[in-house]
Amino acid sequence: MAKKNKIEIALEYYTKKGAEILNTVNSRNNLTADEIIHFGEEMAILEYKMTALEVAKES
């Protein structure tokens, strides 16, 4: 049970971080190409981690 709680906590954390990145991107209209790439990479990392956590949660 403790393992699942840690997974849920991590999922909530990464979901919040993803929302923060999206809010940052959506609130700015002067992003450089480098910033867009950086934020895209950060989102990809978060999505990868969240997918791995979802798989771990199911097993």
N, C-alpha and C. Protein backbone atom coordinates (compact mmCIF):
# COMPACT_ATOMS: atom_id res chain seq x y z
N MET A 1 0.82 -1.20 0.00
CA MET A 1 0.00 0.00 0.00
C MET A 1 0.86 1.26 0.00
N ALA A 2 1.94 1.27 0.76
CA ALA A 2 2.81 2.44 0.81
C ALA A 2 3.40 2.74 -0.57
N LYS A 3 3.71 1.68 -1.33
CA LYS A 3 4.26 1.86 -2.67
C LYS A 3 3.27 2.61 -3.56
N LYS A 4 2.02 2.24 -3.49
CA LYS A 4 1.01 2.91 -4.31
C LYS A 4 0.85 4.36 -3.89
N ASN A 5 0.95 4.63 -2.62
CA ASN A 5 0.84 6.01 -2.17
C ASN A 5 1.98 6.85 -2.73
N LYS A 6 3.17 6.30 -2.75
CA LYS A 6 4.31 7.04 -3.31
C LYS A 6 4.13 7.27 -4.80
N ILE A 7 3.60 6.30 -5.49
CA ILE A 7 3.35 6.45 -6.93
C ILE A 7 2.30 7.53 -7.16
N GLU A 8 1.24 7.52 -6.39
CA GLU A 8 0.20 8.54 -6.54
C GLU A 8 0.75 9.94 -6.25
N ILE A 9 1.57 10.05 -5.23
CA ILE A 9 2.17 11.34 -4.89
C ILE A 9 3.06 11.82 -6.03
N ALA A 10 3.84 10.92 -6.59
CA ALA A 10 4.72 11.29 -7.71
C ALA A 10 3.90 11.70 -8.92
N LEU A 11 2.83 10.99 -9.21
CA LEU A 11 1.97 11.35 -10.34
C LEU A 11 1.36 12.74 -10.15
N GLU A 12 0.91 13.02 -8.94
CA GLU A 12 0.35 14.34 -8.66
C GLU A 12 1.40 15.43 -8.85
N TYR A 13 2.62 15.17 -8.39
CA TYR A 13 3.71 16.13 -8.52
C TYR A 13 4.02 16.41 -9.98
N TYR A 14 4.17 15.35 -10.78
CA TYR A 14 4.50 15.54 -12.19
C TYR A 14 3.34 16.18 -12.96
N THR A 15 2.12 15.88 -12.57
CA THR A 15 0.97 16.51 -13.20
C THR A 15 0.99 18.01 -12.93
N LYS A 16 1.29 18.38 -11.68
CA LYS A 16 1.37 19.79 -11.32
C LYS A 16 2.50 20.49 -12.08
N LYS A 17 3.65 19.83 -12.19
CA LYS A 17 4.79 20.41 -12.91
C LYS A 17 4.43 20.62 -14.38
N GLY A 18 3.74 19.66 -14.97
CA GLY A 18 3.31 19.78 -16.36
C GLY A 18 2.36 20.95 -16.55
N ALA A 19 1.44 21.11 -15.62
CA ALA A 19 0.50 22.23 -15.69
C ALA A 19 1.23 23.56 -15.56
N GLU A 20 2.25 23.61 -14.72
CA GLU A 20 3.03 24.84 -14.57
C GLU A 20 3.75 25.19 -15.88
N ILE A 21 4.30 24.18 -16.53
CA ILE A 21 4.99 24.42 -17.81
C ILE A 21 3.99 24.92 -18.84
N LEU A 22 2.84 24.26 -18.93
CA LEU A 22 1.82 24.69 -19.90
C LEU A 22 1.35 26.10 -19.62
N ASN A 23 1.16 26.44 -18.35
CA ASN A 23 0.74 27.80 -18.01
C ASN A 23 1.80 28.82 -18.41
N THR A 24 3.05 28.47 -18.20
CA THR A 24 4.14 29.37 -18.59
C THR A 24 4.14 29.60 -20.09
N VAL A 25 4.05 28.51 -20.84
CA VAL A 25 4.07 28.61 -22.30
C VAL A 25 2.85 29.38 -22.80
N ASN A 26 1.69 29.08 -22.26
CA ASN A 26 0.46 29.71 -22.73
C ASN A 26 0.34 31.18 -22.33
N SER A 27 1.06 31.58 -21.28
CA SER A 27 0.94 32.96 -20.82
C SER A 27 1.93 33.89 -21.50
N ARG A 28 2.83 33.34 -22.28
CA ARG A 28 3.85 34.17 -22.94
C ARG A 28 3.64 34.17 -24.44
N ASN A 29 3.83 35.32 -25.04
CA ASN A 29 3.70 35.41 -26.49
C ASN A 29 5.02 35.76 -27.16
N ASN A 30 6.11 35.69 -26.40
CA ASN A 30 7.40 36.05 -26.96
C ASN A 30 8.46 34.97 -26.71
N LEU A 31 8.04 33.72 -26.77
CA LEU A 31 8.98 32.62 -26.54
C LEU A 31 9.95 32.50 -27.71
N THR A 32 11.20 32.25 -27.38
CA THR A 32 12.19 32.01 -28.43
C THR A 32 12.11 30.54 -28.85
N ALA A 33 12.72 30.23 -29.96
CA ALA A 33 12.73 28.84 -30.42
C ALA A 33 13.41 27.95 -29.39
N ASP A 34 14.50 28.44 -28.79
CA ASP A 34 15.19 27.65 -27.76
C ASP A 34 14.30 27.39 -26.56
N GLU A 35 13.50 28.38 -26.16
CA GLU A 35 12.60 28.19 -25.02
C GLU A 35 11.51 27.18 -25.36
N ILE A 36 10.99 27.25 -26.57
CA ILE A 36 9.96 26.29 -27.00
C ILE A 36 10.52 24.88 -26.97
N ILE A 37 11.72 24.72 -27.49
CA ILE A 37 12.37 23.40 -27.48
C ILE A 37 12.60 22.93 -26.06
N HIS A 38 13.09 23.82 -25.21
CA HIS A 38 13.35 23.47 -23.80
C HIS A 38 12.07 23.01 -23.11
N PHE A 39 11.00 23.80 -23.23
CA PHE A 39 9.74 23.43 -22.58
C PHE A 39 9.18 22.13 -23.16
N GLY A 40 9.34 21.93 -24.46
CA GLY A 40 8.90 20.68 -25.08
C GLY A 40 9.65 19.48 -24.54
N GLU A 41 10.96 19.65 -24.37
CA GLU A 41 11.77 18.57 -23.80
C GLU A 41 11.35 18.27 -22.36
N GLU A 42 11.10 19.32 -21.59
CA GLU A 42 10.66 19.14 -20.20
C GLU A 42 9.33 18.39 -20.15
N MET A 43 8.40 18.76 -21.04
CA MET A 43 7.11 18.07 -21.08
C MET A 43 7.28 16.61 -21.47
N ALA A 44 8.16 16.34 -22.42
CA ALA A 44 8.40 14.96 -22.85
C ALA A 44 8.95 14.13 -21.69
N ILE A 45 9.86 14.70 -20.92
CA ILE A 45 10.43 13.99 -19.76
C ILE A 45 9.32 13.70 -18.75
N LEU A 46 8.48 14.70 -18.48
CA LEU A 46 7.39 14.50 -17.51
C LEU A 46 6.43 13.41 -17.99
N GLU A 47 6.09 13.45 -19.27
CA GLU A 47 5.17 12.45 -19.82
C GLU A 47 5.78 11.05 -19.73
N TYR A 48 7.06 10.93 -19.99
CA TYR A 48 7.75 9.65 -19.90
C TYR A 48 7.69 9.13 -18.46
N LYS A 49 7.99 9.99 -17.51
CA LYS A 49 7.96 9.59 -16.09
C LYS A 49 6.56 9.20 -15.66
N MET A 50 5.58 9.96 -16.10
CA MET A 50 4.20 9.66 -15.71
C MET A 50 3.73 8.34 -16.32
N THR A 51 4.14 8.07 -17.55
CA THR A 51 3.79 6.80 -18.18
C THR A 51 4.41 5.64 -17.42
N ALA A 52 5.68 5.79 -17.04
CA ALA A 52 6.35 4.73 -16.27
C ALA A 52 5.67 4.52 -14.93
N LEU A 53 5.26 5.58 -14.29
CA LEU A 53 4.57 5.45 -13.00
C LEU A 53 3.21 4.77 -13.16
N GLU A 54 2.49 5.11 -14.23
CA GLU A 54 1.20 4.45 -14.48
C GLU A 54 1.39 2.95 -14.68
N VAL A 55 2.42 2.57 -15.41
CA VAL A 55 2.71 1.15 -15.63
C VAL A 55 3.05 0.49 -14.30
N ALA A 56 3.86 1.15 -13.50
CA ALA A 56 4.24 0.60 -12.19
C ALA A 56 3.02 0.46 -11.29
N LYS A 57 2.11 1.40 -11.39
CA LYS A 57 0.91 1.38 -10.57
C LYS A 57 0.03 0.17 -10.90
N GLU A 58 0.01 -0.19 -12.18
CA GLU A 58 -0.83 -1.31 -12.61
C GLU A 58 -0.24 -2.67 -12.25
N SER A 59 1.05 -2.71 -12.00
CA SER A 59 1.66 -4.02 -11.70
C SER A 59 1.85 -4.24 -10.22
